[in-house]
Amino acid sequence: MDPYAVVGVMTAFGTRPDLVSGRATTTDAAIALVERLTGISAINLLERSSVASLSRLLADRLDTAGVRVPS
């Protein structure tokens, strides 16, 4: 999947994911393009440096959903 396919899937299924990962996020350029085209966070989960971003995103989404996250 490439960054443009993310837009296609969103359009075809009328959905907006909280996060994009996988093949569409394998390079810094692809991540930037996904975020620019969709406004959605894109994270390469194979990179250790992504852990902090993923943790923030999960905490935010869980809080928004009313789920209490133990500290």
PDB file of N, CA and C in Angstrom:
ATOM      1  N   MET A   1       0.852  -1.166   0.000  1.00  0.00           N
ATOM      2  CA  MET A   1       0.000   0.000   0.000  1.00  0.00           C
ATOM      3  C   MET A   1       0.900   1.231   0.000  1.00  0.00           C
ATOM      4  N   ASP A   2       0.508   2.221  -0.755  1.00  0.00           N
ATOM      5  CA  ASP A   2       1.255   3.465  -0.777  1.00  0.00           C
ATOM      6  C   ASP A   2       0.407   4.580  -0.170  1.00  0.00           C
ATOM      7  N   PRO A   3       0.995   5.747   0.050  1.00  0.00           N
ATOM      8  CA  PRO A   3       0.247   6.845   0.670  1.00  0.00           C
ATOM      9  C   PRO A   3      -1.039   7.210  -0.072  1.00  0.00           C
ATOM     10  N   TYR A   4      -1.040   7.137  -1.397  1.00  0.00           N
ATOM     11  CA  TYR A   4      -2.249   7.471  -2.144  1.00  0.00           C
ATOM     12  C   TYR A   4      -3.334   6.410  -1.958  1.00  0.00           C
ATOM     13  N   ALA A   5      -2.932   5.174  -1.715  1.00  0.00           N
ATOM     14  CA  ALA A   5      -3.901   4.109  -1.467  1.00  0.00           C
ATOM     15  C   ALA A   5      -4.654   4.354  -0.164  1.00  0.00           C
ATOM     16  N   VAL A   6      -3.994   4.977   0.797  1.00  0.00           N
ATOM     17  CA  VAL A   6      -4.661   5.310   2.057  1.00  0.00           C
ATOM     18  C   VAL A   6      -5.859   6.213   1.773  1.00  0.00           C
ATOM     19  N   VAL A   7      -5.648   7.213   0.927  1.00  0.00           N
ATOM     20  CA  VAL A   7      -6.744   8.116   0.554  1.00  0.00           C
ATOM     21  C   VAL A   7      -7.838   7.339  -0.172  1.00  0.00           C
ATOM     22  N   GLY A   8      -7.455   6.442  -1.051  1.00  0.00           N
ATOM     23  CA  GLY A   8      -8.429   5.638  -1.787  1.00  0.00           C
ATOM     24  C   GLY A   8      -9.278   4.773  -0.871  1.00  0.00           C
ATOM     25  N   VAL A   9      -8.661   4.143   0.094  1.00  0.00           N
ATOM     26  CA  VAL A   9      -9.387   3.299   1.040  1.00  0.00           C
ATOM     27  C   VAL A   9     -10.333   4.148   1.885  1.00  0.00           C
ATOM     28  N   MET A  10      -9.857   5.306   2.333  1.00  0.00           N
ATOM     29  CA  MET A  10     -10.708   6.199   3.123  1.00  0.00           C
ATOM     30  C   MET A  10     -11.939   6.615   2.319  1.00  0.00           C
ATOM     31  N   THR A  11     -11.726   6.953   1.063  1.00  0.00           N
ATOM     32  CA  THR A  11     -12.821   7.397   0.198  1.00  0.00           C
ATOM     33  C   THR A  11     -13.776   6.253  -0.109  1.00  0.00           C
ATOM     34  N   ALA A  12     -13.233   5.107  -0.451  1.00  0.00           N
ATOM     35  CA  ALA A  12     -14.063   3.964  -0.837  1.00  0.00           C
ATOM     36  C   ALA A  12     -14.931   3.452   0.306  1.00  0.00           C
ATOM     37  N   PHE A  13     -14.387   3.469   1.509  1.00  0.00           N
ATOM     38  CA  PHE A  13     -15.113   2.908   2.642  1.00  0.00           C
ATOM     39  C   PHE A  13     -15.721   3.962   3.559  1.00  0.00           C
ATOM     40  N   GLY A  14     -15.484   5.235   3.255  1.00  0.00           N
ATOM     41  CA  GLY A  14     -16.054   6.306   4.054  1.00  0.00           C
ATOM     42  C   GLY A  14     -15.637   6.269   5.510  1.00  0.00           C
ATOM     43  N   THR A  15     -14.376   5.960   5.739  1.00  0.00           N
ATOM     44  CA  THR A  15     -13.879   5.835   7.105  1.00  0.00           C
ATOM     45  C   THR A  15     -12.620   6.676   7.300  1.00  0.00           C
ATOM     46  N   ARG A  16     -12.345   7.019   8.532  1.00  0.00           N
ATOM     47  CA  ARG A  16     -11.142   7.780   8.868  1.00  0.00           C
ATOM     48  C   ARG A  16     -10.440   7.066  10.024  1.00  0.00           C
ATOM     49  N   PRO A  17      -9.320   6.420   9.739  1.00  0.00           N
ATOM     50  CA  PRO A  17      -8.598   5.709  10.801  1.00  0.00           C
ATOM     51  C   PRO A  17      -7.917   6.687  11.764  1.00  0.00           C
ATOM     52  N   ASP A  18      -7.575   6.192  12.926  1.00  0.00           N
ATOM     53  CA  ASP A  18      -6.836   7.000  13.905  1.00  0.00           C
ATOM     54  C   ASP A  18      -5.348   7.021  13.602  1.00  0.00           C
ATOM     55  N   LEU A  19      -4.880   6.022  12.874  1.00  0.00           N
ATOM     56  CA  LEU A  19      -3.451   5.847  12.645  1.00  0.00           C
ATOM     57  C   LEU A  19      -3.234   5.086  11.344  1.00  0.00           C
ATOM     58  N   VAL A  20      -2.168   5.442  10.645  1.00  0.00           N
ATOM     59  CA  VAL A  20      -1.743   4.692   9.462  1.00  0.00           C
ATOM     60  C   VAL A  20      -0.366   4.116   9.769  1.00  0.00           C
ATOM     61  N   SER A  21      -0.198   2.835   9.495  1.00  0.00           N
ATOM     62  CA  SER A  21       1.104   2.186   9.660  1.00  0.00           C
ATOM     63  C   SER A  21       1.254   1.157   8.557  1.00  0.00           C
ATOM     64  N   GLY A  22       2.313   0.387   8.597  1.00  0.00           N
ATOM     65  CA  GLY A  22       2.531  -0.642   7.586  1.00  0.00           C
ATOM     66  C   GLY A  22       3.330  -0.122   6.404  1.00  0.00           C
ATOM     67  N   ARG A  23       3.107  -0.718   5.248  1.00  0.00           N
ATOM     68  CA  ARG A  23       3.913  -0.397   4.063  1.00  0.00           C
ATOM     69  C   ARG A  23       3.812   1.062   3.641  1.00  0.00           C
ATOM     70  N   ALA A  24       2.707   1.704   3.943  1.00  0.00           N
ATOM     71  CA  ALA A  24       2.533   3.110   3.558  1.00  0.00           C
ATOM     72  C   ALA A  24       3.401   4.036   4.400  1.00  0.00           C
ATOM     73  N   THR A  25       4.089   3.494   5.402  1.00  0.00           N
ATOM     74  CA  THR A  25       4.894   4.331   6.302  1.00  0.00           C
ATOM     75  C   THR A  25       6.339   3.851   6.409  1.00  0.00           C
ATOM     76  N   THR A  26       6.855   3.249   5.368  1.00  0.00           N
ATOM     77  CA  THR A  26       8.199   2.671   5.450  1.00  0.00           C
ATOM     78  C   THR A  26       9.320   3.680   5.274  1.00  0.00           C
ATOM     79  N   THR A  27       9.011   4.878   4.826  1.00  0.00           N
ATOM     80  CA  THR A  27      10.046   5.913   4.696  1.00  0.00           C
ATOM     81  C   THR A  27       9.537   7.209   5.308  1.00  0.00           C
ATOM     82  N   ASP A  28      10.460   8.099   5.632  1.00  0.00           N
ATOM     83  CA  ASP A  28      10.075   9.408   6.168  1.00  0.00           C
ATOM     84  C   ASP A  28       9.233  10.183   5.164  1.00  0.00           C
ATOM     85  N   ALA A  29       9.574  10.066   3.882  1.00  0.00           N
ATOM     86  CA  ALA A  29       8.816  10.762   2.844  1.00  0.00           C
ATOM     87  C   ALA A  29       7.385  10.223   2.760  1.00  0.00           C
ATOM     88  N   ALA A  30       7.216   8.925   2.868  1.00  0.00           N
ATOM     89  CA  ALA A  30       5.882   8.326   2.817  1.00  0.00           C
ATOM     90  C   ALA A  30       5.053   8.757   4.019  1.00  0.00           C
ATOM     91  N   ILE A  31       5.675   8.804   5.196  1.00  0.00           N
ATOM     92  CA  ILE A  31       4.980   9.255   6.398  1.00  0.00           C
ATOM     93  C   ILE A  31       4.507  10.695   6.219  1.00  0.00           C
ATOM     94  N   ALA A  32       5.394  11.546   5.732  1.00  0.00           N
ATOM     95  CA  ALA A  32       5.034  12.955   5.519  1.00  0.00           C
ATOM     96  C   ALA A  32       3.903  13.085   4.503  1.00  0.00           C
ATOM     97  N   LEU A  33       3.938  12.272   3.456  1.00  0.00           N
ATOM     98  CA  LEU A  33       2.905  12.344   2.430  1.00  0.00           C
ATOM     99  C   LEU A  33       1.554  11.858   2.965  1.00  0.00           C
ATOM    100  N   VAL A  34       1.542  10.770   3.713  1.00  0.00           N
ATOM    101  CA  VAL A  34       0.292  10.282   4.311  1.00  0.00           C
ATOM    102  C   VAL A  34      -0.305  11.375   5.190  1.00  0.00           C
ATOM    103  N   GLU A  35       0.521  11.972   6.039  1.00  0.00           N
ATOM    104  CA  GLU A  35       0.028  13.000   6.950  1.00  0.00           C
ATOM    105  C   GLU A  35      -0.468  14.229   6.196  1.00  0.00           C
ATOM    106  N   ARG A  36       0.214  14.591   5.132  1.00  0.00           N
ATOM    107  CA  ARG A  36      -0.201  15.752   4.336  1.00  0.00           C
ATOM    108  C   ARG A  36      -1.499  15.482   3.571  1.00  0.00           C
ATOM    109  N   LEU A  37      -1.620  14.297   2.994  1.00  0.00           N
ATOM    110  CA  LEU A  37      -2.804  13.964   2.203  1.00  0.00           C
ATOM    111  C   LEU A  37      -4.047  13.720   3.060  1.00  0.00           C
ATOM    112  N   THR A  38      -3.848  13.200   4.268  1.00  0.00           N
ATOM    113  CA  THR A  38      -4.986  12.746   5.068  1.00  0.00           C
ATOM    114  C   THR A  38      -5.199  13.498   6.372  1.00  0.00           C
ATOM    115  N   GLY A  39      -4.148  14.104   6.895  1.00  0.00           N
ATOM    116  CA  GLY A  39      -4.247  14.734   8.212  1.00  0.00           C
ATOM    117  C   GLY A  39      -4.249  13.714   9.342  1.00  0.00           C
ATOM    118  N   ILE A  40      -3.885  12.482   9.025  1.00  0.00           N
ATOM    119  CA  ILE A  40      -3.865  11.393  10.000  1.00  0.00           C
ATOM    120  C   ILE A  40      -2.422  11.083  10.388  1.00  0.00           C
ATOM    121  N   SER A  41      -2.206  10.763  11.661  1.00  0.00           N
ATOM    122  CA  SER A  41      -0.873  10.371  12.107  1.00  0.00           C
ATOM    123  C   SER A  41      -0.429   9.113  11.384  1.00  0.00           C
ATOM    124  N   ALA A  42       0.813   9.111  10.946  1.00  0.00           N
ATOM    125  CA  ALA A  42       1.401   7.948  10.285  1.00  0.00           C
ATOM    126  C   ALA A  42       2.672   7.574  11.041  1.00  0.00           C
ATOM    127  N   ILE A  43       2.784   6.315  11.388  1.00  0.00           N
ATOM    128  CA  ILE A  43       3.907   5.867  12.213  1.00  0.00           C
ATOM    129  C   ILE A  43       4.478   4.570  11.646  1.00  0.00           C
ATOM    130  N   ASN A  44       5.794   4.530  11.527  1.00  0.00           N
ATOM    131  CA  ASN A  44       6.475   3.294  11.162  1.00  0.00           C
ATOM    132  C   ASN A  44       6.719   2.526  12.456  1.00  0.00           C
ATOM    133  N   LEU A  45       5.906   1.521  12.713  1.00  0.00           N
ATOM    134  CA  LEU A  45       5.981   0.789  13.970  1.00  0.00           C
ATOM    135  C   LEU A  45       7.230  -0.078  14.099  1.00  0.00           C
ATOM    136  N   LEU A  46       7.991  -0.201  13.026  1.00  0.00           N
ATOM    137  CA  LEU A  46       9.244  -0.956  13.100  1.00  0.00           C
ATOM    138  C   LEU A  46      10.385  -0.124  13.667  1.00  0.00           C
ATOM    139  N   GLU A  47      10.174   1.178  13.761  1.00  0.00           N
ATOM    140  CA  GLU A  47      11.196   2.077  14.308  1.00  0.00           C
ATOM    141  C   GLU A  47      10.983   2.267  15.805  1.00  0.00           C
ATOM    142  N   ARG A  48      12.009   2.016  16.572  1.00  0.00           N
ATOM    143  CA  ARG A  48      11.936   2.164  18.029  1.00  0.00           C
ATOM    144  C   ARG A  48      11.535   3.580  18.432  1.00  0.00           C
ATOM    145  N   SER A  49      11.924   4.546  17.646  1.00  0.00           N
ATOM    146  CA  SER A  49      11.631   5.945  17.963  1.00  0.00           C
ATOM    147  C   SER A  49      10.135   6.257  17.868  1.00  0.00           C
ATOM    148  N   SER A  50       9.351   5.349  17.321  1.00  0.00           N
ATOM    149  CA  SER A  50       7.908   5.553  17.173  1.00  0.00           C
ATOM    150  C   SER A  50       7.119   5.237  18.436  1.00  0.00           C
ATOM    151  N   VAL A  51       7.754   4.612  19.413  1.00  0.00           N
ATOM    152  CA  VAL A  51       7.051   4.172  20.617  1.00  0.00           C
ATOM    153  C   VAL A  51       6.391   5.350  21.338  1.00  0.00           C
ATOM    154  N   ALA A  52       7.098   6.447  21.475  1.00  0.00           N
ATOM    155  CA  ALA A  52       6.547   7.610  22.189  1.00  0.00           C
ATOM    156  C   ALA A  52       5.325   8.165  21.453  1.00  0.00           C
ATOM    157  N   SER A  53       5.411   8.294  20.138  1.00  0.00           N
ATOM    158  CA  SER A  53       4.277   8.797  19.352  1.00  0.00           C
ATOM    159  C   SER A  53       3.083   7.865  19.458  1.00  0.00           C
ATOM    160  N   LEU A  54       3.323   6.571  19.381  1.00  0.00           N
ATOM    161  CA  LEU A  54       2.242   5.597  19.489  1.00  0.00           C
ATOM    162  C   LEU A  54       1.607   5.650  20.877  1.00  0.00           C
ATOM    163  N   SER A  55       2.417   5.758  21.904  1.00  0.00           N
ATOM    164  CA  SER A  55       1.897   5.832  23.271  1.00  0.00           C
ATOM    165  C   SER A  55       1.012   7.059  23.463  1.00  0.00           C
ATOM    166  N   ARG A  56       1.451   8.206  22.938  1.00  0.00           N
ATOM    167  CA  ARG A  56       0.645   9.438  23.045  1.00  0.00           C
ATOM    168  C   ARG A  56      -0.671   9.284  22.300  1.00  0.00           C
ATOM    169  N   LEU A  57      -0.617   8.726  21.100  1.00  0.00           N
ATOM    170  CA  LEU A  57      -1.823   8.552  20.300  1.00  0.00           C
ATOM    171  C   LEU A  57      -2.812   7.627  21.006  1.00  0.00           C
ATOM    172  N   LEU A  58      -2.331   6.501  21.518  1.00  0.00           N
ATOM    173  CA  LEU A  58      -3.210   5.565  22.212  1.00  0.00           C
ATOM    174  C   LEU A  58      -3.821   6.187  23.459  1.00  0.00           C
ATOM    175  N   ALA A  59      -3.020   6.888  24.237  1.00  0.00           N
ATOM    176  CA  ALA A  59      -3.535   7.539  25.442  1.00  0.00           C
ATOM    177  C   ALA A  59      -4.606   8.558  25.087  1.00  0.00           C
ATOM    178  N   ASP A  60      -4.371   9.332  24.026  1.00  0.00           N
ATOM    179  CA  ASP A  60      -5.339  10.346  23.599  1.00  0.00           C
ATOM    180  C   ASP A  60      -6.638   9.692  23.145  1.00  0.00           C
ATOM    181  N   ARG A  61      -6.544   8.665  22.314  1.00  0.00           N
ATOM    182  CA  ARG A  61      -7.746   8.016  21.788  1.00  0.00           C
ATOM    183  C   ARG A  61      -8.517   7.292  22.884  1.00  0.00           C
ATOM    184  N   LEU A  62      -7.802   6.652  23.792  1.00  0.00           N
ATOM    185  CA  LEU A  62      -8.476   5.957  24.889  1.00  0.00           C
ATOM    186  C   LEU A  62      -9.159   6.950  25.822  1.00  0.00           C
ATOM    187  N   ASP A  63      -8.494   8.069  26.081  1.00  0.00           N
ATOM    188  CA  ASP A  63      -9.092   9.114  26.913  1.00  0.00           C
ATOM    189  C   ASP A  63     -10.336   9.673  26.247  1.00  0.00           C
ATOM    190  N   THR A  64     -10.271   9.905  24.959  1.00  0.00           N
ATOM    191  CA  THR A  64     -11.415  10.421  24.209  1.00  0.00           C
ATOM    192  C   THR A  64     -12.578   9.428  24.269  1.00  0.00           C
ATOM    193  N   ALA A  65     -12.267   8.143  24.274  1.00  0.00           N
ATOM    194  CA  ALA A  65     -13.301   7.106  24.323  1.00  0.00           C
ATOM    195  C   ALA A  65     -13.803   6.858  25.741  1.00  0.00           C
ATOM    196  N   GLY A  66     -13.223   7.557  26.723  1.00  0.00           N
ATOM    197  CA  GLY A  66     -13.649   7.389  28.112  1.00  0.00           C
ATOM    198  C   GLY A  66     -13.037   6.209  28.816  1.00  0.00           C
ATOM    199  N   VAL A  67     -11.963   5.661  28.274  1.00  0.00           N
ATOM    200  CA  VAL A  67     -11.284   4.518  28.893  1.00  0.00           C
ATOM    201  C   VAL A  67     -10.206   5.055  29.819  1.00  0.00           C
ATOM    202  N   ARG A  68     -10.214   4.605  31.055  1.00  0.00           N
ATOM    203  CA  ARG A  68      -9.186   5.027  32.007  1.00  0.00           C
ATOM    204  C   ARG A  68      -7.935   4.194  31.799  1.00  0.00           C
ATOM    205  N   VAL A  69      -6.828   4.878  31.653  1.00  0.00           N
ATOM    206  CA  VAL A  69      -5.547   4.201  31.463  1.00  0.00           C
ATOM    207  C   VAL A  69      -4.811   4.222  32.796  1.00  0.00           C
ATOM    208  N   PRO A  70      -4.450   3.050  33.347  1.00  0.00           N
ATOM    209  CA  PRO A  70      -3.736   3.036  34.616  1.00  0.00           C
ATOM    210  C   PRO A  70      -2.387   3.725  34.496  1.00  0.00           C
ATOM    211  N   SER A  71      -2.009   4.435  35.532  1.00  0.00           N
ATOM    212  CA  SER A  71      -0.708   5.133  35.489  1.00  0.00           C
ATOM    213  C   SER A  71       0.373   4.359  36.173  1.00  0.00           C
TER     214      SER A  71
END
